[in-house]
C-alpha atoms as a PDB file:
ATOM      1  CA  MET A   1       0.000   0.000   0.000  1.00  0.00           C
ATOM      2  CA  PHE A   2       2.748   2.429   0.982  1.00  0.00           C
ATOM      3  CA  LEU A   3       4.745   1.725  -2.186  1.00  0.00           C
ATOM      4  CA  SER A   4       1.747   2.168  -4.453  1.00  0.00           C
ATOM      5  CA  LYS A   5       1.095   5.643  -3.000  1.00  0.00           C
ATOM      6  CA  ILE A   6       4.687   6.719  -3.599  1.00  0.00           C
ATOM      7  CA  ALA A   7       5.605   4.738  -6.726  1.00  0.00           C
ATOM      8  CA  GLY A   8       2.281   5.330  -8.504  1.00  0.00           C
ATOM      9  CA  PRO A   9       2.909   9.007  -9.347  1.00  0.00           C
ATOM     10  CA  LEU A  10       6.525   8.253 -10.265  1.00  0.00           C
ATOM     11  CA  ARG A  11       5.440   5.530 -12.674  1.00  0.00           C
ATOM     12  CA  CYS A  12       3.105   7.942 -14.431  1.00  0.00           C
ATOM     13  CA  ALA A  13       5.874  10.499 -14.921  1.00  0.00           C
ATOM     14  CA  VAL A  14       8.053   8.111 -16.945  1.00  0.00           C
ATOM     15  CA  LYS A  15       7.337   8.125 -20.667  1.00  0.00           C
ATOM     16  CA  GLU A  16       7.002   4.576 -21.973  1.00  0.00           C
ATOM     17  CA  SER A  17       6.910   5.309 -25.700  1.00  0.00           C
ATOM     18  CA  THR A  18       7.253   8.144 -28.196  1.00  0.00           C
ATOM     19  CA  TYR A  19       4.648   6.434 -30.395  1.00  0.00           C
ATOM     20  CA  ILE A  20       6.968   7.113 -33.321  1.00  0.00           C
ATOM     21  CA  VAL A  21       8.351   4.046 -35.063  1.00  0.00           C
ATOM     22  CA  GLY A  22      12.112   3.782 -34.595  1.00  0.00           C
ATOM     23  CA  LEU A  23      12.322   6.606 -32.072  1.00  0.00           C
ATOM     24  CA  GLU A  24      13.031   5.266 -28.598  1.00  0.00           C
ATOM     25  CA  VAL A  25      12.419   7.130 -25.363  1.00  0.00           C
ATOM     26  CA  VAL A  26      15.434   9.013 -24.022  1.00  0.00           C
ATOM     27  CA  PRO A  27      15.125   9.000 -20.214  1.00  0.00           C
ATOM     28  CA  ASN A  28      17.611  11.877 -19.709  1.00  0.00           C
ATOM     29  CA  ALA A  29      16.399  13.944 -22.674  1.00  0.00           C
ATOM     30  CA  ARG A  30      16.936  17.321 -21.015  1.00  0.00           C
ATOM     31  CA  GLU A  31      20.614  16.613 -20.327  1.00  0.00           C
ATOM     32  CA  VAL A  32      21.103  15.205 -23.826  1.00  0.00           C
ATOM     33  CA  LEU A  33      19.528  18.304 -25.370  1.00  0.00           C
ATOM     34  CA  ILE A  34      21.671  20.646 -23.285  1.00  0.00           C
ATOM     35  CA  GLY A  35      24.772  18.728 -24.369  1.00  0.00           C
ATOM     36  CA  LEU A  36      23.799  18.727 -28.053  1.00  0.00           C
ATOM     37  CA  TYR A  37      22.879  22.414 -28.101  1.00  0.00           C
ATOM     38  CA  SER A  38      26.114  23.338 -26.312  1.00  0.00           C
ATOM     39  CA  LYS A  39      28.123  21.237 -28.762  1.00  0.00           C
ATOM     40  CA  THR A  40      26.298  22.828 -31.710  1.00  0.00           C
ATOM     41  CA  LEU A  41      27.204  26.321 -30.523  1.00  0.00           C
ATOM     42  CA  SER A  42      30.867  25.454 -29.988  1.00  0.00           C
ATOM     43  CA  GLU A  43      31.147  23.642 -33.360  1.00  0.00           C
ATOM     44  CA  LEU A  44      29.370  26.536 -35.053  1.00  0.00           C
ATOM     45  CA  LYS A  45      31.830  29.037 -33.625  1.00  0.00           C
ATOM     46  CA  ALA A  46      34.784  26.875 -34.690  1.00  0.00           C
ATOM     47  CA  THR A  47      33.681  25.974 -38.227  1.00  0.00           C
ATOM     48  CA  ILE A  48      31.269  28.526 -39.709  1.00  0.00           C
ATOM     49  CA  PRO A  49      32.118  32.225 -40.222  1.00  0.00           C
ATOM     50  CA  GLU A  50      30.044  34.611 -38.123  1.00  0.00           C
ATOM     51  CA  THR A  51      29.217  36.597 -41.256  1.00  0.00           C
ATOM     52  CA  ALA A  52      27.409  33.632 -42.832  1.00  0.00           C
ATOM     53  CA  GLY A  53      23.625  33.746 -42.644  1.00  0.00           C
ATOM     54  CA  TYR A  54      23.645  30.063 -41.728  1.00  0.00           C
ATOM     55  CA  HIS A  55      25.787  30.834 -38.669  1.00  0.00           C
ATOM     56  CA  GLN A  56      23.404  33.485 -37.383  1.00  0.00           C
ATOM     57  CA  SER A  57      20.310  31.386 -38.026  1.00  0.00           C
ATOM     58  CA  VAL A  58      21.651  28.285 -36.268  1.00  0.00           C
ATOM     59  CA  LYS A  59      23.047  30.372 -33.413  1.00  0.00           C
ATOM     60  CA  ASP A  60      19.721  32.117 -32.809  1.00  0.00           C
ATOM     61  CA  PHE A  61      17.486  29.062 -32.644  1.00  0.00           C
ATOM     62  CA  THR A  62      20.055  26.932 -30.800  1.00  0.00           C
ATOM     63  CA  GLU A  63      20.630  29.554 -28.105  1.00  0.00           C
ATOM     64  CA  HIS A  64      16.859  29.954 -27.755  1.00  0.00           C
ATOM     65  CA  ARG A  65      16.363  26.209 -27.300  1.00  0.00           C
ATOM     66  CA  LEU A  66      19.345  25.890 -24.963  1.00  0.00           C
ATOM     67  CA  ASN A  67      18.010  28.688 -22.760  1.00  0.00           C
ATOM     68  CA  ILE A  68      14.650  26.904 -22.522  1.00  0.00           C
ATOM     69  CA  CYS A  69      16.330  23.606 -21.610  1.00  0.00           C
ATOM     70  CA  GLN A  70      18.391  25.298 -18.917  1.00  0.00           C
ATOM     71  CA  ALA A  71      15.420  27.196 -17.484  1.00  0.00           C
ATOM     72  CA  GLU A  72      12.971  24.294 -17.408  1.00  0.00           C
ATOM     73  CA  THR A  73      13.511  21.103 -15.421  1.00  0.00           C
ATOM     74  CA  LYS A  74      10.614  19.052 -16.799  1.00  0.00           C
ATOM     75  CA  VAL A  75      10.776  17.615 -20.307  1.00  0.00           C
ATOM     76  CA  PRO A  76       7.072  18.262 -21.086  1.00  0.00           C
ATOM     77  CA  ASP A  77       7.625  21.947 -20.284  1.00  0.00           C
ATOM     78  CA  ILE A  78      10.645  22.028 -22.599  1.00  0.00           C
ATOM     79  CA  GLU A  79       8.640  20.369 -25.377  1.00  0.00           C
ATOM     80  CA  ALA A  80       5.771  22.826 -24.929  1.00  0.00           C
ATOM     81  CA  LYS A  81       7.975  25.941 -24.918  1.00  0.00           C
ATOM     82  CA  ILE A  82      10.062  24.879 -27.922  1.00  0.00           C
ATOM     83  CA  GLY A  83       6.958  23.694 -29.744  1.00  0.00           C
ATOM     84  CA  HIS A  84       8.611  21.380 -32.273  1.00  0.00           C
ATOM     85  CA  GLY A  85       7.617  17.921 -31.107  1.00  0.00           C
ATOM     86  CA  GLN A  86       8.799  15.529 -28.458  1.00  0.00           C
ATOM     87  CA  ALA A  87      12.209  15.735 -26.809  1.00  0.00           C
ATOM     88  CA  GLU A  88      13.354  12.698 -28.790  1.00  0.00           C
ATOM     89  CA  GLU A  89      12.468  14.505 -32.023  1.00  0.00           C
ATOM     90  CA  LEU A  90      14.371  17.566 -30.820  1.00  0.00           C
ATOM     91  CA  ILE A  91      17.373  15.330 -30.090  1.00  0.00           C
ATOM     92  CA  ARG A  92      17.264  13.852 -33.579  1.00  0.00           C
ATOM     93  CA  SER A  93      16.933  17.336 -35.059  1.00  0.00           C
ATOM     94  CA  ALA A  94      19.944  18.593 -33.077  1.00  0.00           C
ATOM     95  CA  GLU A  95      22.006  15.587 -34.178  1.00  0.00           C
ATOM     96  CA  ASN A  96      21.001  16.240 -37.790  1.00  0.00           C
ATOM     97  CA  GLU A  97      22.005  19.891 -37.464  1.00  0.00           C
ATOM     98  CA  LEU A  98      25.471  18.847 -36.271  1.00  0.00           C
ATOM     99  CA  GLU A  99      25.818  16.579 -39.310  1.00  0.00           C
ATOM    100  CA  LEU A 100      24.617  19.326 -41.650  1.00  0.00           C
ATOM    101  CA  MET A 101      27.060  21.775 -40.104  1.00  0.00           C
ATOM    102  CA  LYS A 102      29.963  19.484 -41.043  1.00  0.00           C
ATOM    103  CA  LYS A 103      28.746  19.458 -44.646  1.00  0.00           C
ATOM    104  CA  MET A 104      28.173  23.203 -44.713  1.00  0.00           C
ATOM    105  CA  ALA A 105      31.752  23.756 -43.522  1.00  0.00           C
ATOM    106  CA  VAL A 106      32.934  21.817 -46.585  1.00  0.00           C
ATOM    107  CA  TRP A 107      30.427  23.267 -49.075  1.00  0.00           C
ATOM    108  CA  LYS A 108      30.882  26.905 -47.948  1.00  0.00           C
ATOM    109  CA  PRO A 109      27.698  28.220 -49.607  1.00  0.00           C
ATOM    110  CA  TRP A 110      28.464  31.707 -48.248  1.00  0.00           C
ATOM    111  CA  VAL A 111      31.518  32.018 -50.505  1.00  0.00           C
ATOM    112  CA  VAL A 112      30.916  33.773 -53.827  1.00  0.00           C
ATOM    113  CA  PRO A 113      32.823  31.956 -56.606  1.00  0.00           C
ATOM    114  CA  GLU A 114      35.407  33.937 -58.540  1.00  0.00           C
ATOM    115  CA  GLY A 115      33.860  35.772 -61.472  1.00  0.00           C
ATOM    116  CA  HIS A 116      30.407  35.865 -59.870  1.00  0.00           C
ATOM    117  CA  SER A 117      28.748  38.808 -58.220  1.00  0.00           C
ATOM    118  CA  ILE A 118      25.942  39.237 -55.741  1.00  0.00           C
ATOM    119  CA  ILE A 119      22.870  41.183 -56.743  1.00  0.00           C
ATOM    120  CA  TYR A 120      20.948  42.509 -53.777  1.00  0.00           C
ATOM    121  CA  MET A 121      17.236  42.820 -54.378  1.00  0.00           C
ATOM    122  CA  THR A 122      14.550  44.470 -52.323  1.00  0.00           C
ATOM    123  CA  GLU A 123      10.777  44.040 -52.260  1.00  0.00           C
ATOM    124  CA  GLU A 124      10.460  46.971 -54.636  1.00  0.00           C
ATOM    125  CA  ASP A 125      12.391  44.943 -57.235  1.00  0.00           C
ATOM    126  CA  TYR A 126       9.550  42.397 -57.315  1.00  0.00           C
ATOM    127  CA  THR A 127       6.671  44.231 -58.939  1.00  0.00           C
ATOM    128  CA  ALA A 128       3.761  42.742 -60.798  1.00  0.00           C
ATOM    129  CA  ASP A 129       4.688  44.515 -64.044  1.00  0.00           C
ATOM    130  CA  LYS A 130       8.095  42.808 -64.312  1.00  0.00           C
ATOM    131  CA  ALA A 131       8.409  39.432 -65.957  1.00  0.00           C
ATOM    132  CA  LEU A 132      10.084  36.681 -63.924  1.00  0.00           C
ATOM    133  CA  PRO A 133      11.565  33.484 -65.393  1.00  0.00           C
ATOM    134  CA  ASP A 134       9.832  30.190 -64.641  1.00  0.00           C
ATOM    135  CA  THR A 135      12.628  27.998 -63.260  1.00  0.00           C
ATOM    136  CA  ALA A 136      11.071  24.832 -64.653  1.00  0.00           C
ATOM    137  CA  THR A 137      10.556  25.960 -68.261  1.00  0.00           C
ATOM    138  CA  GLY A 138      12.806  28.992 -68.599  1.00  0.00           C
ATOM    139  CA  ARG A 139       9.878  30.970 -70.064  1.00  0.00           C
ATOM    140  CA  LEU A 140       9.008  34.363 -68.680  1.00  0.00           C
ATOM    141  CA  LEU A 141       6.048  34.628 -66.348  1.00  0.00           C
ATOM    142  CA  THR A 142       3.898  37.731 -66.607  1.00  0.00           C
END
């Protein structure tokens, strides 16, 4: 009787399944997320130039998520505040971002190839009276 009063609420707090095929429950998800987000920020600083848009984008959302993980102690609260699925999905996403970062460091999409130039466009450049090329056919759209 005594054990059921104490162990009952504890049993309910443990997630048994993610209900996503192939995605197992991570019992220490908060700590894993904090570690992954911290690693992402340090790898980002070491491998991607601060001037790259990719750097700023990854830094912003990773710092935001890390701050939530550090402020909240309960995984359901973290999931609710981040709003992008279960903790296990966030873990997979963070792992994927680390893998992508390695590729981006090799690809360097922020580097303009020699002989190319950058054309900066504003909203005013996109008016209804200008024809734009259809990328699929190459014909002009009007």
